[in-house]
N, C-alpha and C. Protein backbone atom coordinates (compact mmCIF):
# COMPACT_ATOMS: atom_id res chain seq x y z
N UNK A 1 87.01 75.99 81.13
CA UNK A 1 87.61 77.44 81.32
C UNK A 1 88.41 78.05 80.52
N UNK A 2 89.08 76.63 79.48
CA UNK A 2 89.32 78.02 78.75
C UNK A 2 88.95 78.66 77.91
N UNK A 3 87.15 78.07 77.40
CA UNK A 3 86.40 79.34 76.97
C UNK A 3 85.94 80.64 77.35
N UNK A 4 85.95 80.13 78.59
CA UNK A 4 85.42 81.05 79.29
C UNK A 4 86.47 82.10 79.04
N UNK A 5 88.10 81.96 79.76
CA UNK A 5 88.96 82.85 79.47
C UNK A 5 88.79 84.05 78.15
N UNK A 6 88.69 82.87 76.78
CA UNK A 6 88.59 83.12 75.49
C UNK A 6 87.60 84.88 75.77
N UNK A 7 86.71 83.93 76.22
CA UNK A 7 85.34 84.81 76.49
C UNK A 7 85.75 86.91 77.16
N UNK A 8 86.18 86.19 78.11
CA UNK A 8 86.30 87.50 79.16
C UNK A 8 87.60 88.21 78.54
N UNK A 9 88.89 87.45 77.72
CA UNK A 9 89.86 88.21 76.99
C UNK A 9 89.37 89.10 75.79
N UNK A 10 87.97 88.36 75.35
CA UNK A 10 87.32 89.43 74.96
C UNK A 10 87.18 90.73 74.86
N UNK A 11 86.41 90.55 75.75
CA UNK A 11 85.37 91.62 76.85
C UNK A 11 85.89 92.54 77.10
N UNK A 12 87.64 92.14 77.90
CA UNK A 12 88.88 93.28 78.51
C UNK A 12 89.64 93.98 77.57
N UNK A 13 89.75 93.58 76.03
CA UNK A 13 90.01 94.06 75.18
C UNK A 13 89.45 94.70 74.67
N UNK A 14 87.90 94.67 74.33
CA UNK A 14 87.27 95.21 73.57
C UNK A 14 87.01 96.69 74.44
N UNK A 15 86.42 96.06 75.75
CA UNK A 15 86.45 97.11 76.79
C UNK A 15 87.43 98.35 76.83
N UNK A 16 89.26 97.85 76.70
CA UNK A 16 90.23 99.06 76.45
C UNK A 16 90.28 99.34 75.50
N UNK A 17 90.59 98.44 74.37
CA UNK A 17 90.59 99.43 72.74
C UNK A 17 89.13 100.62 73.15
N UNK A 18 87.97 100.59 72.78
CA UNK A 18 86.77 101.17 73.09
C UNK A 18 87.67 102.48 74.08
N UNK A 19 87.83 102.34 75.23
CA UNK A 19 87.76 103.46 75.77
C UNK A 19 89.37 103.98 75.70
N UNK A 20 90.30 103.83 75.13
CA UNK A 20 91.38 103.91 74.62
C UNK A 20 92.53 104.25 76.23
N UNK A 21 92.57 102.79 76.99
CA UNK A 21 92.72 102.75 77.94
C UNK A 21 94.67 102.69 77.71
N UNK A 22 94.91 101.87 76.58
CA UNK A 22 96.79 101.45 76.36
C UNK A 22 96.41 102.86 75.07
N UNK A 23 98.11 103.07 75.46
CA UNK A 23 98.39 104.26 74.39
C UNK A 23 98.69 104.23 73.43
N UNK A 24 98.51 104.94 72.04
CA UNK A 24 99.25 104.33 70.83
C UNK A 24 100.35 104.40 70.92
N UNK A 25 101.13 104.54 72.03
CA UNK A 25 102.70 103.89 71.91
C UNK A 25 103.00 102.56 72.19
N UNK A 26 102.07 101.39 72.67
CA UNK A 26 101.84 100.33 72.59
C UNK A 26 101.51 99.79 71.80
N UNK A 27 101.92 98.65 71.39
CA UNK A 27 101.61 97.91 70.62
C UNK A 27 101.43 96.29 70.65
N UNK A 28 101.78 96.05 71.41
CA UNK A 28 101.86 94.42 71.87
C UNK A 28 100.48 93.64 72.40
N UNK A 29 100.80 92.36 71.73
CA UNK A 29 99.18 92.43 71.36
C UNK A 29 97.88 92.59 71.07
N UNK A 30 98.10 94.21 70.21
CA UNK A 30 96.95 94.21 69.92
C UNK A 30 96.54 94.13 68.29
N UNK A 31 95.52 94.58 67.82
CA UNK A 31 95.20 94.29 65.96
C UNK A 31 95.66 95.06 65.18
N UNK A 32 96.54 94.34 64.18
CA UNK A 32 96.76 95.27 63.24
C UNK A 32 98.13 95.96 63.90
N UNK A 33 98.89 95.42 65.00
CA UNK A 33 100.32 96.33 65.32
C UNK A 33 101.04 95.53 65.66
N UNK A 34 102.53 95.52 64.86
CA UNK A 34 103.40 94.79 65.59
C UNK A 34 104.85 95.33 65.52
N UNK A 35 105.66 94.69 65.79
CA UNK A 35 106.97 94.76 66.36
C UNK A 35 107.83 96.14 64.99
N UNK A 36 107.02 94.84 64.10
CA UNK A 36 107.72 95.87 61.93
C UNK A 36 106.83 97.54 62.22
N UNK A 37 106.15 96.93 62.89
CA UNK A 37 105.87 98.66 62.50
C UNK A 37 106.18 99.88 63.87
N UNK A 38 106.27 99.43 64.71
CA UNK A 38 107.09 100.22 65.89
C UNK A 38 108.60 99.95 65.74
N UNK A 39 109.41 99.11 64.56
CA UNK A 39 110.97 99.65 63.95
C UNK A 39 110.55 100.12 63.08
N UNK A 40 109.28 100.45 62.27
CA UNK A 40 109.45 101.82 60.89
C UNK A 40 108.87 103.05 61.79
N UNK A 41 108.14 103.05 62.67
CA UNK A 41 108.14 104.19 63.25
C UNK A 41 109.35 104.56 64.09
N UNK A 42 110.13 104.10 63.98
CA UNK A 42 111.24 104.57 65.22
C UNK A 42 112.45 104.86 63.46
N UNK A 43 112.37 103.86 62.91
CA UNK A 43 112.78 104.43 62.01
C UNK A 43 113.76 105.82 61.25
N UNK A 44 111.97 106.09 60.97
CA UNK A 44 110.89 106.81 60.41
C UNK A 44 111.57 108.78 60.50
N UNK A 45 111.49 108.05 62.16
CA UNK A 45 111.56 109.98 62.47
C UNK A 45 112.62 110.06 62.80
N UNK A 46 114.10 108.50 63.04
CA UNK A 46 115.29 108.79 63.15
C UNK A 46 115.94 109.84 61.93
N UNK A 47 115.43 109.13 61.42
CA UNK A 47 115.84 108.94 59.72
C UNK A 47 115.46 110.91 59.27
N UNK A 48 113.87 110.85 59.63
CA UNK A 48 113.77 111.78 59.40
C UNK A 48 114.08 113.18 60.24
N UNK A 49 114.91 113.50 60.82
CA UNK A 49 116.03 114.37 61.62
C UNK A 49 116.79 114.16 61.95
N UNK A 50 117.31 113.23 61.18
CA UNK A 50 119.15 112.95 60.73
C UNK A 50 118.87 113.84 59.52
N UNK A 51 117.92 113.78 58.85
CA UNK A 51 118.01 114.67 57.38
C UNK A 51 117.91 116.45 57.93
N UNK A 52 117.32 116.77 59.28
CA UNK A 52 117.29 118.11 59.50
C UNK A 52 118.84 118.79 60.14
N UNK A 53 119.78 117.73 60.64
CA UNK A 53 120.91 117.12 61.18
C UNK A 53 121.03 117.48 62.68
N UNK A 54 119.55 116.92 63.47
CA UNK A 54 119.61 116.44 64.75
C UNK A 54 120.66 115.06 65.03
N UNK A 55 120.45 115.05 66.41
CA UNK A 55 121.57 113.59 66.61
C UNK A 55 119.92 113.30 67.59
N UNK A 56 120.56 111.85 67.48
CA UNK A 56 119.61 110.32 67.99
C UNK A 56 119.54 109.98 69.16
N UNK A 57 119.59 110.21 70.38
CA UNK A 57 119.99 109.44 71.42
C UNK A 57 119.00 107.90 71.89
N UNK A 58 118.86 106.74 72.12
CA UNK A 58 117.81 106.65 72.04
C UNK A 58 118.16 105.36 73.36
N UNK A 59 117.41 104.47 73.64
CA UNK A 59 117.28 103.52 74.76
C UNK A 59 116.52 102.25 75.26
N UNK A 60 116.54 101.55 75.41
CA UNK A 60 115.87 100.34 75.09
C UNK A 60 116.55 98.95 76.29
N UNK A 61 114.39 99.06 76.67
CA UNK A 61 114.60 98.10 77.82
C UNK A 61 113.72 97.30 77.77
N UNK A 62 114.17 96.10 78.28
CA UNK A 62 113.44 94.99 78.14
C UNK A 62 112.84 94.61 79.60
N UNK A 63 111.69 93.91 80.14
CA UNK A 63 111.73 93.74 81.77
C UNK A 63 111.52 92.72 82.01
N UNK A 64 112.73 91.99 82.80
CA UNK A 64 113.30 90.39 83.06
C UNK A 64 111.90 89.68 83.50
N UNK A 65 111.39 89.07 82.88
CA UNK A 65 110.17 88.16 83.30
C UNK A 65 108.97 88.89 83.84
N UNK A 66 108.80 89.42 82.81
CA UNK A 66 107.24 91.05 83.14
C UNK A 66 106.61 89.62 83.61
N UNK A 67 105.88 88.68 82.56
CA UNK A 67 104.65 88.07 83.24
C UNK A 67 104.72 87.35 84.81
N UNK A 68 106.33 86.92 85.19
CA UNK A 68 106.37 86.05 86.41
C UNK A 68 106.38 87.34 87.36
N UNK A 69 106.23 88.56 87.27
CA UNK A 69 106.61 89.63 88.64
C UNK A 69 105.74 91.01 88.61
N UNK A 70 104.72 89.99 87.46
CA UNK A 70 103.41 91.10 87.99
C UNK A 70 103.08 90.94 89.36
N UNK A 71 102.89 91.91 89.54
CA UNK A 71 102.42 91.35 91.35
C UNK A 71 100.47 91.87 90.83
N UNK A 72 100.40 90.69 91.62
CA UNK A 72 98.42 90.87 91.35
C UNK A 72 98.07 91.55 91.89
N UNK A 73 98.19 91.77 93.42
CA UNK A 73 97.31 93.10 93.89
C UNK A 73 97.65 94.45 93.20
N UNK A 74 98.87 95.05 92.81
CA UNK A 74 99.11 95.86 91.98
C UNK A 74 98.30 96.23 90.59
N UNK A 75 97.81 94.47 90.07
CA UNK A 75 97.79 95.10 88.43
C UNK A 75 95.72 94.91 88.97
N UNK A 76 95.54 94.89 90.08
CA UNK A 76 93.52 95.20 90.35
C UNK A 76 93.92 96.31 90.73
N UNK A 77 94.94 97.57 91.75
CA UNK A 77 94.81 98.64 91.29
C UNK A 77 94.68 99.16 90.37
N UNK A 78 95.74 99.11 89.09
CA UNK A 78 95.06 99.64 88.10
C UNK A 78 94.02 98.72 87.19
N UNK A 79 93.55 97.97 87.71
CA UNK A 79 92.05 98.13 86.55
C UNK A 79 91.41 98.52 87.10
N UNK A 80 91.33 99.25 88.73
CA UNK A 80 90.76 99.82 89.72
C UNK A 80 90.13 101.15 89.01
N UNK A 81 91.77 101.99 88.60
CA UNK A 81 92.12 102.98 88.18
C UNK A 81 91.53 103.01 86.94
N UNK A 82 92.22 102.36 85.80
CA UNK A 82 91.00 102.49 84.37
C UNK A 82 89.62 101.72 84.07
N UNK A 83 89.03 102.03 85.20
CA UNK A 83 87.58 101.46 85.36
C UNK A 83 87.54 100.72 85.02
N UNK A 84 87.78 99.22 85.07
CA UNK A 84 87.51 98.10 84.39
C UNK A 84 86.28 97.95 85.31
N UNK A 85 85.55 97.94 84.05
CA UNK A 85 84.05 96.89 85.09
C UNK A 85 84.41 95.83 86.04
N UNK A 86 83.88 95.93 87.20
CA UNK A 86 83.18 95.56 88.30
C UNK A 86 84.03 93.80 87.95
N UNK A 87 82.58 93.42 87.13
CA UNK A 87 82.97 92.13 86.70
C UNK A 87 83.50 91.45 86.31
N UNK A 88 84.20 91.91 84.81
CA UNK A 88 85.82 91.71 84.63
C UNK A 88 86.71 91.96 85.89
N UNK A 89 87.18 92.73 86.68
CA UNK A 89 87.60 92.27 87.68
C UNK A 89 87.48 91.76 88.63
N UNK A 90 86.47 91.43 89.45
CA UNK A 90 85.95 89.94 89.82
C UNK A 90 86.59 88.63 89.55
N UNK A 91 86.20 88.84 87.71
CA UNK A 91 86.86 87.64 87.39
C UNK A 91 88.20 87.02 86.80
N UNK A 92 89.21 88.62 86.88
CA UNK A 92 90.74 88.52 86.75
C UNK A 92 91.34 88.58 88.35
N UNK A 93 90.49 88.97 89.57
CA UNK A 93 90.88 88.57 90.73
C UNK A 93 90.78 86.79 91.11
N UNK A 94 89.29 86.28 90.50
CA UNK A 94 89.49 84.91 91.49
C UNK A 94 90.58 84.32 90.60
N UNK A 95 90.94 84.16 89.29
CA UNK A 95 91.46 83.93 87.81
C UNK A 95 93.17 84.36 88.33
N UNK A 96 93.50 85.34 89.20
CA UNK A 96 94.76 85.35 89.71
C UNK A 96 94.80 85.07 90.90
N UNK A 97 93.97 85.01 91.59
CA UNK A 97 94.51 84.44 93.12
C UNK A 97 94.66 83.30 93.35
N UNK A 98 93.35 82.41 92.61
CA UNK A 98 93.22 80.95 93.12
C UNK A 98 94.64 79.88 92.42
N UNK A 99 95.55 80.07 92.91
CA UNK A 99 97.02 79.92 91.46
C UNK A 99 97.57 78.97 93.47
N UNK A 100 98.22 77.93 92.74
CA UNK A 100 99.67 77.91 93.83
C UNK A 100 100.07 76.79 93.19
N UNK A 101 100.91 76.30 93.59
CA UNK A 101 102.38 75.49 92.70
C UNK A 101 102.55 75.20 93.87
N UNK A 102 103.42 73.48 94.69
CA UNK A 102 103.97 72.51 95.08
C UNK A 102 105.45 71.97 94.30
N UNK A 103 106.58 72.24 94.88
CA UNK A 103 107.72 71.14 94.45
C UNK A 103 108.05 69.43 94.81
N UNK A 104 108.80 69.62 93.79
CA UNK A 104 109.55 68.02 94.21
C UNK A 104 110.13 67.27 95.08
N UNK A 105 110.63 67.09 95.39
CA UNK A 105 111.49 67.19 96.25
C UNK A 105 112.61 65.71 96.52
N UNK A 106 112.79 65.22 95.28
CA UNK A 106 113.20 63.49 95.78
C UNK A 106 111.76 63.05 95.45
N UNK A 107 111.14 61.80 95.86
CA UNK A 107 109.65 61.28 95.55
C UNK A 107 108.30 62.42 96.26
N UNK A 108 109.13 63.15 96.57
CA UNK A 108 107.75 63.99 98.02
C UNK A 108 107.86 65.06 97.14
N UNK A 109 106.62 65.34 97.38
CA UNK A 109 105.90 66.89 97.20
C UNK A 109 106.10 67.38 98.03
N UNK A 110 105.83 69.34 98.80
CA UNK A 110 105.96 69.96 99.66
C UNK A 110 104.63 70.07 99.84
N UNK A 111 103.91 71.19 100.00
CA UNK A 111 103.02 71.84 100.82
C UNK A 111 102.21 72.86 99.50
N UNK A 112 101.26 73.10 99.14
CA UNK A 112 101.21 73.51 97.96
C UNK A 112 101.32 75.88 98.64
N UNK A 113 102.48 75.99 97.97
CA UNK A 113 101.88 77.19 98.33
C UNK A 113 101.47 78.22 97.16
N UNK A 114 100.62 79.28 97.76
CA UNK A 114 100.08 80.63 96.89
C UNK A 114 100.84 81.36 96.25
N UNK A 115 100.00 81.66 95.07
CA UNK A 115 101.13 82.19 93.79
C UNK A 115 100.78 84.21 94.29
N UNK A 116 101.52 85.02 94.58
CA UNK A 116 101.05 86.03 94.56
C UNK A 116 101.24 86.74 93.30
N UNK A 117 102.13 86.28 92.55
CA UNK A 117 102.68 87.00 91.10
C UNK A 117 103.18 86.56 90.11
N UNK A 118 102.58 87.21 89.12
CA UNK A 118 102.76 86.60 88.02
C UNK A 118 101.21 85.93 86.98
N UNK A 119 101.69 85.77 86.00
CA UNK A 119 99.95 85.52 84.96
C UNK A 119 100.88 84.02 83.99
N UNK A 120 99.87 83.39 83.93
CA UNK A 120 99.90 82.23 83.77
C UNK A 120 100.42 82.60 82.36
N UNK A 121 101.53 81.68 81.92
CA UNK A 121 102.63 81.37 80.74
C UNK A 121 101.69 80.31 79.36
N UNK A 122 101.47 81.00 78.34
CA UNK A 122 100.22 80.40 77.64
C UNK A 122 98.67 80.51 77.87
N UNK A 123 98.27 81.29 78.89
CA UNK A 123 97.25 81.89 78.87
C UNK A 123 96.23 82.53 77.69
N UNK A 124 95.35 82.62 77.29
CA UNK A 124 94.99 83.72 76.90
C UNK A 124 94.46 85.61 76.99
N UNK A 125 94.29 85.13 78.62
CA UNK A 125 93.64 86.84 79.15
C UNK A 125 95.71 87.23 79.63
N UNK A 126 96.63 86.73 79.77
CA UNK A 126 97.95 87.42 79.93
C UNK A 126 97.86 88.22 79.62
N UNK A 127 98.30 88.03 78.35
CA UNK A 127 99.65 88.85 77.50
C UNK A 127 98.35 90.50 77.72
N UNK A 128 96.81 90.39 77.95
CA UNK A 128 96.51 91.37 77.82
C UNK A 128 96.69 92.37 79.29
N UNK A 129 96.80 90.98 80.45
CA UNK A 129 96.81 91.79 81.46
C UNK A 129 98.38 92.24 81.61
N UNK A 130 99.16 91.35 80.67
CA UNK A 130 100.48 92.65 81.13
C UNK A 130 100.72 93.59 80.53
N UNK A 131 99.85 94.32 79.37
CA UNK A 131 100.18 95.72 79.11
C UNK A 131 99.49 96.21 79.48
N UNK A 132 98.33 96.06 80.07
CA UNK A 132 97.65 96.45 81.35
C UNK A 132 98.63 96.49 82.01
N UNK A 133 99.47 96.24 83.20
CA UNK A 133 99.96 96.53 84.24
C UNK A 133 101.09 97.08 83.95
N UNK A 134 101.48 96.79 82.49
CA UNK A 134 102.81 97.72 82.64
C UNK A 134 102.89 98.95 81.38
N UNK A 135 101.56 99.51 81.25
CA UNK A 135 100.37 100.54 80.31
C UNK A 135 100.81 101.42 80.90
N UNK A 136 100.90 102.14 81.62
CA UNK A 136 100.55 103.15 82.21
C UNK A 136 102.30 103.62 82.54
N UNK A 137 102.84 103.87 81.90
CA UNK A 137 104.16 104.26 82.03
C UNK A 137 103.76 105.67 81.41
N UNK A 138 104.21 106.13 81.98
CA UNK A 138 104.10 108.46 81.49
C UNK A 138 104.64 108.77 79.99
N UNK A 139 103.28 108.83 79.36
CA UNK A 139 103.55 109.43 78.15
C UNK A 139 105.21 110.76 77.66
N UNK A 140 105.67 110.93 77.03
CA UNK A 140 107.23 111.94 77.38
C UNK A 140 106.27 113.14 77.06
N UNK A 141 106.55 114.40 77.47
CA UNK A 141 105.96 115.96 78.03
C UNK A 141 106.33 116.61 76.83
N UNK A 142 107.90 116.40 76.65
CA UNK A 142 108.16 117.22 75.14
C UNK A 142 108.39 116.60 73.68
N UNK A 143 108.38 117.65 72.37
CA UNK A 143 108.02 117.22 71.36
C UNK A 143 109.37 116.24 70.59
N UNK A 144 110.39 116.73 71.82
CA UNK A 144 112.18 115.59 71.26
C UNK A 144 111.82 114.53 71.60
N UNK A 145 111.15 113.67 72.27
CA UNK A 145 111.20 112.72 73.38
C UNK A 145 110.16 111.62 72.98
N UNK A 146 110.19 110.41 72.03
CA UNK A 146 109.43 109.12 72.18
C UNK A 146 109.37 108.06 72.40
N UNK A 147 108.57 107.79 72.58
CA UNK A 147 108.30 106.06 72.93
C UNK A 147 107.63 105.52 72.48
N UNK A 148 108.19 104.22 72.22
CA UNK A 148 107.26 102.62 71.61
C UNK A 148 107.26 101.41 72.26
N UNK A 149 106.61 100.93 72.75
CA UNK A 149 106.56 99.70 73.41
C UNK A 149 105.86 98.87 72.71
N UNK A 150 106.60 97.23 73.30
CA UNK A 150 105.92 96.44 72.16
C UNK A 150 105.59 95.48 73.35
N UNK A 151 104.96 95.36 74.14
CA UNK A 151 104.15 94.24 75.63
C UNK A 151 105.92 94.94 76.92
N UNK A 152 106.29 94.43 77.29
CA UNK A 152 106.99 94.58 77.93
C UNK A 152 108.25 95.53 77.94
N UNK A 153 108.57 95.42 76.55
CA UNK A 153 109.71 96.07 75.75
C UNK A 153 109.93 97.60 75.37
N UNK A 154 110.36 98.07 76.15
CA UNK A 154 110.59 99.55 75.96
C UNK A 154 111.91 100.34 74.98
N UNK A 155 110.66 101.05 73.70
CA UNK A 155 112.17 102.49 73.13
C UNK A 155 112.28 103.34 73.36
N UNK A 156 112.92 104.30 73.62
CA UNK A 156 112.92 105.40 74.49
C UNK A 156 113.83 106.24 73.32
N UNK A 157 113.22 107.40 72.22
CA UNK A 157 114.12 107.70 71.97
C UNK A 157 114.43 109.87 71.95
N UNK A 158 115.53 110.50 71.43
CA UNK A 158 114.57 111.78 71.84
C UNK A 158 116.00 112.36 70.42
N UNK A 159 115.62 113.23 70.05
CA UNK A 159 115.71 114.06 68.25
C UNK A 159 116.68 115.56 69.34
N UNK A 160 117.49 115.87 68.59
CA UNK A 160 117.70 116.97 69.01
C UNK A 160 118.57 117.63 68.48
N UNK A 161 118.95 118.96 67.68
CA UNK A 161 120.36 119.48 67.08
C UNK A 161 121.73 119.40 68.04
N UNK A 162 121.00 119.63 69.23
CA UNK A 162 122.26 119.35 70.15
C UNK A 162 121.84 118.33 71.00
N UNK A 163 123.57 117.45 70.72
CA UNK A 163 123.76 115.87 70.87
C UNK A 163 123.36 115.69 73.34
N UNK A 164 124.14 116.64 73.81
CA UNK A 164 123.73 116.95 74.74
C UNK A 164 122.40 117.51 75.57
N UNK A 165 121.30 117.73 74.34
CA UNK A 165 120.51 118.51 74.81
C UNK A 165 119.52 117.06 74.93
N UNK A 166 119.68 116.22 73.35
CA UNK A 166 118.98 114.95 73.78
C UNK A 166 119.10 114.54 74.87
N UNK A 167 120.60 113.69 74.96
CA UNK A 167 120.72 113.46 76.35
C UNK A 167 120.11 113.69 77.38
N UNK A 168 119.97 115.03 77.58
CA UNK A 168 119.58 115.32 78.78
C UNK A 168 118.06 115.39 79.10
N UNK A 169 116.93 115.07 77.51
CA UNK A 169 115.88 114.97 77.13
C UNK A 169 115.09 113.21 77.82
N UNK A 170 116.57 113.17 77.19
CA UNK A 170 116.54 111.62 77.44
C UNK A 170 116.42 111.18 78.83
N UNK A 171 117.13 111.60 79.58
CA UNK A 171 117.51 111.45 81.31
C UNK A 171 116.61 111.46 81.97
N UNK A 172 115.60 112.63 81.75
CA UNK A 172 114.68 112.89 82.43
C UNK A 172 113.70 112.58 82.09
N UNK A 173 113.60 111.73 80.81
CA UNK A 173 111.73 110.92 80.70
C UNK A 173 112.09 109.58 81.21
N UNK A 174 113.00 109.15 81.32
CA UNK A 174 113.96 108.04 82.44
C UNK A 174 113.70 108.34 83.89
N UNK A 175 114.03 109.66 83.94
CA UNK A 175 113.46 109.30 85.72
C UNK A 175 112.77 109.93 85.65
N UNK A 176 111.50 110.04 84.77
CA UNK A 176 110.08 110.31 85.32
C UNK A 176 109.56 109.32 85.70
N UNK A 177 109.97 108.44 84.80
CA UNK A 177 108.94 106.41 84.39
C UNK A 177 109.90 106.04 85.90
N UNK A 178 111.14 105.91 86.22
CA UNK A 178 111.56 105.49 87.78
C UNK A 178 111.17 105.90 88.71
N UNK A 179 109.96 107.65 88.58
CA UNK A 179 109.66 108.17 89.76
C UNK A 179 108.41 107.07 90.57
């Protein structure tokens, strides 16, 4: 199974890179990208605007237990939306749906329970599925607002000459994400 999973992960990653499915703002689990790059981009942008006399307002988000909370049906809907090849989508569906768990209570085990959310920790394909799952965050619609993502971590900031305007742009974008 692990070899097949690596092959599927490689094909899926190649497809999403070739079709620009993941926005440039997402650096998580991507070749030649790192948290350092994202931090540099943030610092460079805010420094450039500070020199111009602009104010920066930022918000940082971390999706708690993102791998555990991935809704399987929601992921499949997104794979279809991204036009992921049907063979890959079917394999991912099977990979996600044939999972169960049981609990040990004393010396007895519970009946198996079907798992309908989450991605297996340590799996080769789980990080790719995660960035596809969170990858459809809308991109900013103005020049003042910037976004930087690393997997499920998101930094959003706005630069503006007027601090209240920067705050307004930031809040508008956050509201858009939550819609």
